[in-house]
Amino acid sequence: MKQIIKKPVISMLTLITALALILATYNLALAVNKNFKTDMQLIQDFLSQTDENGTNAEKLGWDIDNIGTWKGAEFVDFEKEKEKEKVIKSLNISGKGKDLSKKLHGKLDLRSCFALEELIMDDNVIEELDIRGCRSLETLIINNNSLDKLSESDFPDIDRSNLNIMVL
């Protein structure tokens, strides 16, 4: 009689343990997704950075909440889990020919922009650039900025055999 009771109890404990493991995995996945930012959110973070001359969005003449005003940014549709999301394909925020007060500054974080093929950000005062994960990048023009250093370890996911880098 005691043995008959033990089997269902052991099975129930196994089931409870399995459910707890599934729940913990689900909660971890939610936490990871909560910290994930879309391409638009990453660019909006950069656009909202401010110095004494205004935000980067103001300097570009862009409305931070309306990608239709983002001249120099090209987006494409990407289907993700039956929903379409805009992803960045090309970003040209060159400061060439602009007055110093109109130059962009701050940290440009594009680490999850997997569809980004071209980034032109020359002649600004951008201090940091994160392009890890930009595995489609083919053109990178970053000369005349305030970047301390940029090494191959800063973009491990990029196929450098097809990458045209311009750093002066």
Protein backbone atom coordinates (compact mmCIF):
# COMPACT_ATOMS: atom_id res chain seq x y z
CA MET A 1 0.00 0.00 0.00
CA LYS A 2 2.80 2.46 0.83
CA GLN A 3 4.47 1.83 -2.52
CA ILE A 4 1.30 2.73 -4.42
CA ILE A 5 1.15 6.12 -2.68
CA LYS A 6 4.85 6.86 -3.37
CA LYS A 7 4.56 6.57 -7.18
CA PRO A 8 1.88 9.28 -7.58
CA VAL A 9 3.69 11.53 -5.12
CA ILE A 10 6.98 11.16 -7.02
CA SER A 11 5.19 11.76 -10.33
CA MET A 12 3.49 14.85 -8.89
CA LEU A 13 6.82 16.22 -7.59
CA THR A 14 8.42 15.62 -10.99
CA LEU A 15 5.56 17.44 -12.69
CA ILE A 16 5.77 20.38 -10.25
CA THR A 17 9.55 20.61 -10.78
CA ALA A 18 9.10 20.57 -14.58
CA LEU A 19 6.43 23.29 -14.41
CA ALA A 20 8.64 25.43 -12.16
CA LEU A 21 11.51 25.07 -14.65
CA ILE A 22 9.24 26.04 -17.57
CA LEU A 23 7.95 29.06 -15.65
CA ALA A 24 11.48 30.19 -14.77
CA THR A 25 12.54 29.87 -18.42
CA TYR A 26 9.50 31.86 -19.56
CA ASN A 27 10.19 34.63 -17.02
CA LEU A 28 13.83 34.79 -18.17
CA ALA A 29 12.70 35.11 -21.80
CA LEU A 30 10.34 37.94 -20.83
CA ALA A 31 13.14 39.75 -19.00
CA VAL A 32 15.45 39.45 -22.03
CA ASN A 33 12.76 40.73 -24.43
CA LYS A 34 11.93 43.60 -22.08
CA ASN A 35 15.54 44.84 -22.40
CA PHE A 36 15.58 44.40 -26.20
CA LYS A 37 15.19 47.61 -28.16
CA THR A 38 14.00 47.92 -31.73
CA ASP A 39 16.05 49.74 -34.36
CA MET A 40 13.74 52.74 -34.05
CA GLN A 41 14.12 52.85 -30.27
CA LEU A 42 17.92 52.73 -30.53
CA ILE A 43 17.94 55.60 -33.02
CA GLN A 44 15.41 57.56 -30.93
CA ASP A 45 17.75 57.17 -27.93
CA PHE A 46 20.55 58.74 -30.00
CA LEU A 47 18.28 61.48 -31.34
CA SER A 48 17.17 62.48 -27.85
CA GLN A 49 20.74 63.09 -26.61
CA THR A 50 21.25 66.77 -25.83
CA ASP A 51 24.09 69.25 -25.62
CA GLU A 52 24.11 73.04 -25.24
CA ASN A 53 22.93 73.38 -28.87
CA GLY A 54 19.88 71.10 -28.59
CA THR A 55 19.03 67.47 -29.31
CA ASN A 56 20.49 65.45 -32.16
CA ALA A 57 16.96 65.29 -33.63
CA GLU A 58 16.70 69.09 -33.66
CA LYS A 59 20.10 69.40 -35.32
CA LEU A 60 18.96 67.03 -38.07
CA GLY A 61 15.53 68.63 -38.37
CA TRP A 62 13.87 65.29 -37.54
CA ASP A 63 10.72 64.69 -35.52
CA ILE A 64 11.82 61.99 -33.10
CA ASP A 65 8.42 60.23 -33.28
CA ASN A 66 7.90 60.43 -37.06
CA ILE A 67 10.30 58.36 -39.20
CA GLY A 68 8.83 60.07 -42.26
CA THR A 69 10.92 63.11 -41.30
CA TRP A 70 14.14 61.11 -40.90
CA LYS A 71 15.88 62.23 -44.10
CA GLY A 72 18.93 60.01 -44.61
CA ALA A 73 17.41 56.98 -42.86
CA GLU A 74 16.06 54.11 -44.93
CA PHE A 75 13.87 51.48 -43.29
CA VAL A 76 12.58 48.17 -44.62
CA ASP A 77 9.80 45.94 -43.32
CA PHE A 78 10.81 42.81 -41.43
CA GLU A 79 8.24 40.20 -40.50
CA LYS A 80 8.68 38.97 -36.96
CA GLU A 81 6.23 36.58 -35.36
CA LYS A 82 3.46 37.50 -37.84
CA GLU A 83 3.95 41.23 -37.20
CA LYS A 84 5.80 43.70 -39.39
CA GLU A 85 8.51 45.79 -37.83
CA LYS A 86 10.55 48.56 -39.43
CA VAL A 87 14.29 47.85 -39.41
CA ILE A 88 17.04 50.24 -40.46
CA LYS A 89 18.80 49.49 -43.74
CA SER A 90 20.79 52.69 -44.24
CA LEU A 91 21.63 55.65 -42.00
CA ASN A 92 23.34 58.78 -43.28
CA ILE A 93 23.85 61.35 -40.53
CA SER A 94 26.96 62.99 -41.97
CA GLY A 95 27.91 66.32 -40.46
CA LYS A 96 29.96 67.32 -43.50
CA GLY A 97 29.65 71.03 -44.23
CA LYS A 98 27.67 71.76 -41.06
CA ASP A 99 28.48 74.37 -38.46
CA LEU A 100 29.95 72.92 -35.25
CA SER A 101 26.73 73.75 -33.38
CA LYS A 102 24.83 71.41 -35.76
CA LYS A 103 27.21 68.47 -35.37
CA LEU A 104 25.80 65.35 -33.73
CA HIS A 105 27.24 64.09 -30.47
CA GLY A 106 26.90 61.33 -27.90
CA LYS A 107 26.69 57.57 -28.11
CA LEU A 108 25.26 55.84 -31.16
CA ASP A 109 24.10 52.35 -30.19
CA LEU A 110 23.06 50.22 -33.17
CA ARG A 111 23.95 46.84 -31.66
CA SER A 112 20.84 44.98 -32.78
CA CYS A 113 20.42 46.54 -36.23
CA PHE A 114 21.01 43.31 -38.15
CA ALA A 115 19.74 44.69 -41.50
CA LEU A 116 21.94 47.84 -41.46
CA GLU A 117 24.03 47.84 -44.64
CA GLU A 118 25.34 51.41 -44.66
CA LEU A 119 26.29 53.81 -41.87
CA ILE A 120 27.61 57.26 -42.75
CA MET A 121 28.30 59.43 -39.71
CA ASP A 122 31.43 61.36 -40.70
CA ASP A 123 32.24 64.89 -39.51
CA ASN A 124 30.40 64.86 -36.17
CA VAL A 125 31.47 64.69 -32.53
CA ILE A 126 30.10 61.23 -31.75
CA GLU A 127 32.07 59.73 -28.85
CA GLU A 128 30.90 56.11 -28.88
CA LEU A 129 29.66 53.67 -31.50
CA ASP A 130 28.28 50.18 -30.88
CA ILE A 131 27.75 48.14 -34.04
CA ARG A 132 28.02 44.63 -32.60
CA GLY A 133 25.34 42.58 -34.32
CA CYS A 134 25.23 44.69 -37.50
CA ARG A 135 26.06 41.60 -39.54
CA SER A 136 24.82 43.07 -42.86
CA LEU A 137 27.05 46.17 -42.68
CA GLU A 138 28.89 46.83 -45.95
CA THR A 139 29.78 50.53 -45.69
CA LEU A 140 31.00 52.31 -42.56
CA ILE A 141 32.12 55.93 -42.85
CA ILE A 142 33.09 57.30 -39.44
CA ASN A 143 35.97 59.69 -40.06
CA ASN A 144 36.32 62.99 -38.18
CA ASN A 145 34.47 62.06 -34.99
CA SER A 146 35.46 61.93 -31.34
CA LEU A 147 35.68 58.15 -31.20
CA ASP A 148 38.53 57.10 -28.90
CA LYS A 149 39.21 53.90 -30.75
CA LEU A 150 37.47 51.36 -32.89
CA SER A 151 38.92 47.89 -33.24
CA GLU A 152 37.81 44.67 -34.88
CA SER A 153 36.67 43.41 -31.48
CA ASP A 154 34.04 46.18 -31.52
CA PHE A 155 32.22 44.45 -34.38
CA PRO A 156 32.73 40.69 -34.11
CA ASP A 157 29.52 39.77 -35.99
CA ILE A 158 30.43 41.67 -39.15
CA ASP A 159 31.96 39.99 -42.20
CA ARG A 160 34.90 42.32 -42.69
CA SER A 161 35.77 40.83 -46.10
CA ASN A 162 32.84 42.76 -47.61
CA LEU A 163 33.10 45.83 -45.38
CA ASN A 164 34.21 49.18 -46.78
CA ILE A 165 35.50 51.20 -43.79
CA MET A 166 36.54 54.84 -44.06
CA VAL A 167 38.36 56.14 -41.02
CA LEU A 168 40.67 59.12 -41.41
